């Protein structure tokens, strides 16, 4: 059985955030937006992760903290 990806913990700061509104071909299709935050981690690389709306509303560019994520999944900040 394959092990799940390791949870990573890194010092980071919020570079930017964005909201994505999907465009659907059908009028009745749900149109829930997705929320993304780009973090810059210690080595200078950037990582964009989808985050829950509740986190998205509280993030401000420049916020610093410890980012917890697993593979490409946001866990906590």
Protein backbone atom coordinates (compact mmCIF):
# COMPACT_ATOMS: atom_id res chain seq x y z
CA UNK A 1 0.00 0.00 0.00
CA UNK A 2 1.31 3.43 -0.96
CA UNK A 3 1.99 5.89 1.86
CA UNK A 4 0.23 9.26 1.73
CA UNK A 5 2.44 12.27 0.95
CA UNK A 6 4.25 13.72 3.95
CA UNK A 7 2.80 16.85 5.55
CA UNK A 8 5.20 19.74 4.94
CA UNK A 9 5.73 22.64 7.32
CA UNK A 10 7.56 25.73 6.00
CA UNK A 11 8.03 29.37 6.94
CA UNK A 12 6.33 31.45 4.26
CA UNK A 13 4.51 34.66 3.45
CA UNK A 14 1.50 35.53 1.32
CA UNK A 15 2.48 36.96 -2.06
CA UNK A 16 -0.95 37.30 -3.64
CA UNK A 17 -4.43 35.85 -3.66
CA UNK A 18 -7.01 35.38 -6.39
CA UNK A 19 -10.53 34.17 -6.96
CA UNK A 20 -11.44 31.99 -9.95
CA UNK A 21 -15.00 32.03 -11.30
CA UNK A 22 -15.63 28.98 -13.48
CA UNK A 23 -17.54 29.40 -16.73
CA UNK A 24 -19.99 26.62 -17.44
CA UNK A 25 -21.70 25.70 -20.68
CA UNK A 26 -25.01 25.07 -18.95
CA UNK A 27 -27.02 27.84 -17.30
CA UNK A 28 -28.10 25.70 -14.35
CA UNK A 29 -24.62 24.38 -13.54
CA UNK A 30 -23.27 25.48 -10.14
CA UNK A 31 -20.83 28.37 -10.39
CA UNK A 32 -18.96 28.30 -7.10
CA UNK A 33 -15.74 30.27 -7.19
CA UNK A 34 -12.41 28.78 -6.14
CA UNK A 35 -9.95 30.68 -3.97
CA UNK A 36 -6.16 30.57 -4.38
CA UNK A 37 -3.26 32.00 -2.39
CA UNK A 38 0.34 32.18 -3.58
CA UNK A 39 2.91 31.67 -0.84
CA UNK A 40 6.64 32.32 -1.07
CA UNK A 41 8.61 29.82 0.95
CA UNK A 42 12.10 30.05 2.49
CA UNK A 43 14.01 28.98 -0.62
CA UNK A 44 12.38 31.75 -2.68
CA UNK A 45 10.08 29.46 -4.64
CA UNK A 46 6.38 30.17 -4.87
CA UNK A 47 3.53 27.77 -4.29
CA UNK A 48 -0.09 28.45 -5.26
CA UNK A 49 -2.66 26.49 -3.27
CA UNK A 50 -6.44 26.43 -3.30
CA UNK A 51 -7.72 27.51 0.12
CA UNK A 52 -11.15 27.51 1.78
CA UNK A 53 -13.10 30.77 1.58
CA UNK A 54 -12.78 31.26 5.34
CA UNK A 55 -8.97 31.41 5.08
CA UNK A 56 -9.04 33.44 1.86
CA UNK A 57 -10.94 36.31 3.49
CA UNK A 58 -8.39 36.65 6.31
CA UNK A 59 -5.19 36.53 4.24
CA UNK A 60 -3.47 39.84 3.50
CA UNK A 61 -0.51 40.14 1.15
CA UNK A 62 2.65 40.09 3.25
CA UNK A 63 1.20 37.91 6.04
CA UNK A 64 3.96 35.72 7.48
CA UNK A 65 3.60 32.37 9.17
CA UNK A 66 4.07 28.64 9.00
CA UNK A 67 2.38 26.96 6.05
CA UNK A 68 1.24 23.36 6.42
CA UNK A 69 0.41 21.50 3.23
CA UNK A 70 0.33 17.97 1.89
CA UNK A 71 1.24 17.45 -1.75
CA UNK A 72 -0.75 20.31 -3.34
CA UNK A 73 -3.41 20.48 -0.60
CA UNK A 74 -3.53 23.44 1.82
CA UNK A 75 -3.92 22.36 5.44
CA UNK A 76 -3.24 25.40 7.64
CA UNK A 77 -1.32 28.65 8.03
